[in-house]
Amino acid sequence: MTAAPITNPYGDLCAEIYDLDKPPGSLFDIAYYTQALKGVEGPILEAAVGTGRLFIPLVEAGLDMVGFDHSRAMLDICQGHLEARGLKAPLHQARFQDFEFAERFGAIIVPTSSFILIDQFDEAMAVLGRFRDHLRPGGQLILDLPPMDFLGRNSDGLRVWTAANGDILRMDSRKVELDGVGQRRVNHDLYQRWRDGQLVDQQLEVFAYRSWGLKEFEMALVAAGFEIVSVGANYRPGRAPRSGDQIFNFVARRP
């Protein structure tokens, strides 16, 4: 019997391309998170820290950060970024489903829609409970999600990067499954490394995502024991979500 493929592995070639595409300091959420976390007492946990796109700027801003990710390749790149900048912050290898820390955090952040990588509803609800249990009383969960139409967006296509050594890196993404009932999508992403016109490495990764409705996720947070603080959009605090927004920003508190 053939084993089912591991979903969302983020292997070494995928991690290298991710870091080229989204290096530390990229995207539009740094100011939002820096402001939201100002004055937080106690350490701050970033879940699915990846290669440090947001983690590194937050450490540079003087915040007491801790990170975890299930991908060793992603963590190794993140650690390299810390060392290159003379920074220190603890990183741990763990999954959403089984991370465990003795300390309790003043805030937990899940940026860039990483939460949708938990593609099963029951597992996602258990992870929300795990977040709650790892927060201090009054601690906040800050989490971003794409709107429901993420499921139907055209994700097929080829993208190309050039590595520092001149290698050509390619990613060809194809949607292979769309489950409207389960609110779930599966992509096959083929990563390749070309050198001097020769294919020298390729890795196929299976990515599975689960989208959430806006009100559905608010109810999920309440069911997991949180109080809703705010629901915004596009990293603009105080503005209610509207049709056409690209990202929803949830802030919830452990009572």
Protein backbone atom coordinates (compact mmCIF):
# COMPACT_ATOMS: atom_id res chain seq x y z
CA MET A 1 0.00 0.00 0.00
CA THR A 2 1.33 3.43 -0.94
CA ALA A 3 1.49 5.88 1.95
CA ALA A 4 -0.41 9.14 1.63
CA PRO A 5 1.86 12.07 0.80
CA ILE A 6 2.90 14.40 3.60
CA THR A 7 1.16 17.74 3.19
CA ASN A 8 2.85 21.13 3.59
CA PRO A 9 6.37 19.77 4.19
CA TYR A 10 8.39 22.87 3.18
CA GLY A 11 11.54 20.96 2.20
CA ASP A 12 14.94 22.48 1.51
CA LEU A 13 14.30 23.59 -2.07
CA CYS A 14 10.90 25.03 -1.19
CA ALA A 15 12.42 26.85 1.80
CA GLU A 16 15.20 28.34 -0.35
CA ILE A 17 12.67 29.65 -2.85
CA TYR A 18 10.40 30.95 -0.09
CA ASP A 19 13.29 32.94 1.37
CA LEU A 20 14.19 34.40 -2.04
CA ASP A 21 10.57 35.36 -2.62
CA LYS A 22 9.81 36.64 0.90
CA PRO A 23 13.05 37.70 2.62
CA PRO A 24 13.02 39.24 6.11
CA GLY A 25 11.27 42.59 6.03
CA SER A 26 9.12 41.90 2.99
CA LEU A 27 5.31 42.25 2.71
CA PHE A 28 3.11 44.84 4.35
CA ASP A 29 2.45 43.68 7.90
CA ILE A 30 5.58 44.67 9.82
CA ALA A 31 4.32 48.06 11.02
CA TYR A 32 0.95 46.50 11.93
CA TYR A 33 2.50 43.79 14.10
CA THR A 34 5.12 46.08 15.63
CA GLN A 35 2.36 48.44 16.78
CA ALA A 36 0.00 45.66 17.89
CA LEU A 37 2.69 44.06 20.04
CA LYS A 38 3.97 47.26 21.63
CA GLY A 39 3.74 47.01 25.39
CA VAL A 40 3.02 43.26 25.49
CA GLU A 41 4.26 41.81 28.78
CA GLY A 42 6.05 38.53 28.53
CA PRO A 43 7.44 36.64 25.56
CA ILE A 44 5.68 36.59 22.19
CA LEU A 45 5.30 33.37 20.22
CA GLU A 46 5.21 33.31 16.43
CA ALA A 47 3.67 30.12 15.08
CA ALA A 48 4.94 28.86 11.71
CA VAL A 49 7.86 31.26 11.82
CA GLY A 50 9.21 30.07 8.47
CA THR A 51 12.46 31.66 7.31
CA GLY A 52 11.93 34.74 9.48
CA ARG A 53 10.19 37.13 7.11
CA LEU A 54 8.37 38.80 10.03
CA PHE A 55 10.22 37.23 12.95
CA ILE A 56 13.56 38.90 12.16
CA PRO A 57 12.16 42.49 12.01
CA LEU A 58 10.28 41.93 15.27
CA VAL A 59 13.45 40.72 17.00
CA GLU A 60 15.28 43.72 15.55
CA ALA A 61 12.56 45.94 17.05
CA GLY A 62 13.52 44.65 20.50
CA LEU A 63 10.54 42.36 21.07
CA ASP A 64 11.01 39.20 23.17
CA MET A 65 10.27 36.67 20.43
CA VAL A 66 10.06 32.85 20.38
CA GLY A 67 9.31 30.94 17.18
CA PHE A 68 8.39 27.46 16.04
CA ASP A 69 7.97 25.76 12.69
CA HIS A 70 7.67 22.12 11.64
CA SER A 71 10.17 22.56 8.76
CA ARG A 72 13.81 22.07 9.70
CA ALA A 73 14.86 23.67 6.41
CA MET A 74 12.86 26.82 7.14
CA LEU A 75 14.22 27.05 10.69
CA ASP A 76 17.81 26.65 9.51
CA ILE A 77 17.42 29.63 7.18
CA CYS A 78 15.78 31.68 9.92
CA GLN A 79 18.62 30.85 12.30
CA GLY A 80 21.10 31.92 9.63
CA HIS A 81 19.36 35.29 9.33
CA LEU A 82 19.53 35.78 13.09
CA GLU A 83 23.23 34.96 13.23
CA ALA A 84 24.05 37.17 10.23
CA ARG A 85 22.52 40.12 12.09
CA GLY A 86 24.03 39.32 15.47
CA LEU A 87 20.61 38.52 16.93
CA LYS A 88 19.45 35.81 19.31
CA ALA A 89 15.96 34.38 19.73
CA PRO A 90 14.88 30.80 20.49
CA LEU A 91 13.55 28.68 17.61
CA HIS A 92 11.91 25.28 18.02
CA GLN A 93 10.87 22.55 15.60
CA ALA A 94 7.23 21.66 16.20
CA ARG A 95 3.90 21.41 14.45
CA PHE A 96 0.76 23.41 15.12
CA GLN A 97 -0.79 20.19 16.40
CA ASP A 98 1.84 19.33 18.99
CA PHE A 99 3.87 22.41 20.02
CA GLU A 100 4.39 22.57 23.76
CA PHE A 101 6.09 25.20 25.94
CA ALA A 102 6.34 25.41 29.70
CA GLU A 103 6.16 29.20 29.63
CA ARG A 104 3.01 31.15 28.91
CA PHE A 105 3.03 33.99 26.41
CA GLY A 106 1.80 37.55 26.41
CA ALA A 107 0.81 37.16 22.75
CA ILE A 108 0.77 34.56 20.00
CA ILE A 109 0.87 35.64 16.36
CA VAL A 110 -0.02 33.65 13.26
CA PRO A 111 0.67 35.98 10.32
CA THR A 112 0.39 35.61 6.55
CA SER A 113 -2.53 33.18 6.59
CA SER A 114 -0.37 30.35 7.96
CA PHE A 115 -3.35 29.02 9.94
CA ILE A 116 -5.02 27.76 6.75
CA LEU A 117 -2.25 25.16 6.46
CA ILE A 118 -4.24 23.24 9.10
CA ASP A 119 -6.57 21.70 6.55
CA GLN A 120 -8.89 19.74 8.87
CA PHE A 121 -11.56 21.51 10.94
CA ASP A 122 -11.21 19.39 14.09
CA GLU A 123 -7.43 19.81 14.13
CA ALA A 124 -7.78 23.56 13.64
CA MET A 125 -10.16 23.84 16.58
CA ALA A 126 -7.75 21.83 18.75
CA VAL A 127 -4.93 24.19 17.75
CA LEU A 128 -7.00 27.21 18.77
CA GLY A 129 -7.42 25.58 22.16
CA ARG A 130 -3.67 24.97 22.33
CA PHE A 131 -3.09 28.65 21.58
CA ARG A 132 -5.47 29.65 24.38
CA ASP A 133 -3.73 27.33 26.84
CA HIS A 134 -0.33 28.82 25.98
CA LEU A 135 -1.43 32.41 26.63
CA ARG A 136 -1.32 34.20 29.94
CA PRO A 137 -4.68 35.50 31.21
CA GLY A 138 -5.30 38.62 29.16
CA GLY A 139 -2.84 37.47 26.49
CA GLN A 140 -3.76 38.06 22.86
CA LEU A 141 -3.93 35.90 19.76
CA ILE A 142 -3.33 37.90 16.56
CA LEU A 143 -4.08 35.91 13.44
CA ASP A 144 -4.57 36.67 9.73
CA LEU A 145 -6.80 34.78 7.29
CA PRO A 146 -7.66 35.23 3.62
CA PRO A 147 -11.32 35.53 2.61
CA MET A 148 -13.24 32.47 1.50
CA ASP A 149 -12.65 33.19 -2.18
CA PHE A 150 -9.05 32.08 -1.62
CA LEU A 151 -10.25 28.57 -2.38
CA GLY A 152 -11.31 29.43 -5.91
CA ARG A 153 -8.45 31.73 -6.85
CA ASN A 154 -6.37 30.63 -9.81
CA SER A 155 -3.17 29.37 -8.23
CA ASP A 156 -1.78 27.58 -11.30
CA GLY A 157 1.35 28.94 -12.85
CA LEU A 158 5.13 28.92 -13.20
CA ARG A 159 7.44 31.27 -11.27
CA VAL A 160 11.21 31.59 -11.61
CA TRP A 161 14.01 32.90 -9.36
CA THR A 162 17.81 33.13 -9.61
CA ALA A 163 19.78 31.83 -6.61
CA ALA A 164 22.88 33.58 -5.29
CA ASN A 165 25.11 31.06 -7.09
CA GLY A 166 23.31 31.60 -10.39
CA ASP A 167 21.13 28.49 -10.29
CA ILE A 168 17.68 28.87 -11.84
CA LEU A 169 14.93 27.92 -9.39
CA ARG A 170 11.44 27.17 -10.65
CA MET A 171 8.09 26.48 -9.00
CA ASP A 172 5.16 25.14 -11.02
CA SER A 173 1.94 25.14 -8.97
CA ARG A 174 -1.21 23.23 -9.93
CA LYS A 175 -4.54 22.98 -8.13
CA VAL A 176 -5.50 19.30 -8.06
CA GLU A 177 -8.45 19.23 -5.64
CA LEU A 178 -11.19 21.63 -4.59
CA ASP A 179 -13.64 20.56 -1.88
CA GLY A 180 -16.36 23.16 -1.36
CA VAL A 181 -17.99 21.19 1.46
CA GLY A 182 -14.77 20.77 3.42
CA GLN A 183 -13.65 24.28 2.42
CA ARG A 184 -10.38 22.70 1.36
CA ARG A 185 -7.98 22.97 -1.59
CA VAL A 186 -4.99 20.84 -2.53
CA ASN A 187 -2.11 22.00 -4.73
CA HIS A 188 0.83 20.12 -6.19
CA ASP A 189 3.88 22.39 -6.32
CA LEU A 190 6.90 21.17 -8.29
CA TYR A 191 10.19 22.80 -7.25
CA GLN A 192 13.23 22.53 -9.53
CA ARG A 193 16.88 23.60 -9.56
CA TRP A 194 18.57 24.10 -12.94
CA ARG A 195 22.32 24.61 -13.37
CA ASP A 196 24.07 25.16 -16.70
CA GLY A 197 20.93 24.05 -18.49
CA GLN A 198 20.68 20.78 -16.52
CA LEU A 199 18.00 19.78 -14.03
CA VAL A 200 19.98 18.91 -10.89
CA ASP A 201 17.20 18.68 -8.27
CA GLN A 202 13.44 18.59 -8.11
CA GLN A 203 10.94 18.05 -5.32
CA LEU A 204 7.16 17.71 -5.49
CA GLU A 205 5.30 19.11 -2.49
CA VAL A 206 1.62 18.64 -1.68
CA PHE A 207 -0.01 21.68 -0.08
CA ALA A 208 -3.45 21.48 1.53
CA TYR A 209 -5.37 24.51 2.77
CA ARG A 210 -8.66 25.10 4.58
CA SER A 211 -10.42 28.47 4.24
CA TRP A 212 -12.71 30.04 6.83
CA GLY A 213 -15.72 32.29 6.62
CA LEU A 214 -15.41 35.55 8.55
CA LYS A 215 -18.25 34.86 11.00
CA GLU A 216 -17.34 31.18 11.13
CA PHE A 217 -13.90 32.02 12.47
CA GLU A 218 -15.27 34.50 14.99
CA MET A 219 -17.51 31.73 16.33
CA ALA A 220 -14.56 29.31 16.32
CA LEU A 221 -12.53 31.70 18.46
CA VAL A 222 -15.37 32.05 20.96
CA ALA A 223 -15.90 28.28 21.04
CA ALA A 224 -12.17 27.86 21.78
CA GLY A 225 -12.48 30.12 24.82
CA PHE A 226 -11.42 33.50 23.44
CA GLU A 227 -12.99 36.92 23.64
CA ILE A 228 -13.03 38.84 20.36
CA VAL A 229 -11.09 42.11 20.61
CA SER A 230 -11.32 43.26 17.00
CA VAL A 231 -11.79 42.06 13.44
CA GLY A 232 -10.21 44.25 10.79
CA ALA A 233 -8.86 43.95 7.29
CA ASN A 234 -5.81 44.75 5.17
CA TYR A 235 -3.74 45.65 8.27
CA ARG A 236 -5.79 48.79 8.89
CA PRO A 237 -6.89 48.75 12.54
CA GLY A 238 -10.32 50.14 13.14
CA ARG A 239 -11.69 49.51 9.65
CA ALA A 240 -14.31 46.79 9.38
CA PRO A 241 -13.84 44.12 6.69
CA ARG A 242 -15.39 44.77 3.28
CA SER A 243 -16.04 42.74 0.17
CA GLY A 244 -12.86 42.59 -1.88
CA ASP A 245 -10.46 42.80 1.08
CA GLN A 246 -7.38 40.61 0.67
CA ILE A 247 -6.77 39.67 4.31
CA PHE A 248 -8.75 39.64 7.55
CA ASN A 249 -7.02 40.50 10.84
CA PHE A 250 -8.36 38.89 14.01
CA VAL A 251 -7.37 39.90 17.53
CA ALA A 252 -8.71 37.78 20.39
CA ARG A 253 -7.97 37.63 24.11
CA ARG A 254 -7.73 34.84 26.63
CA PRO A 255 -9.99 35.90 29.54
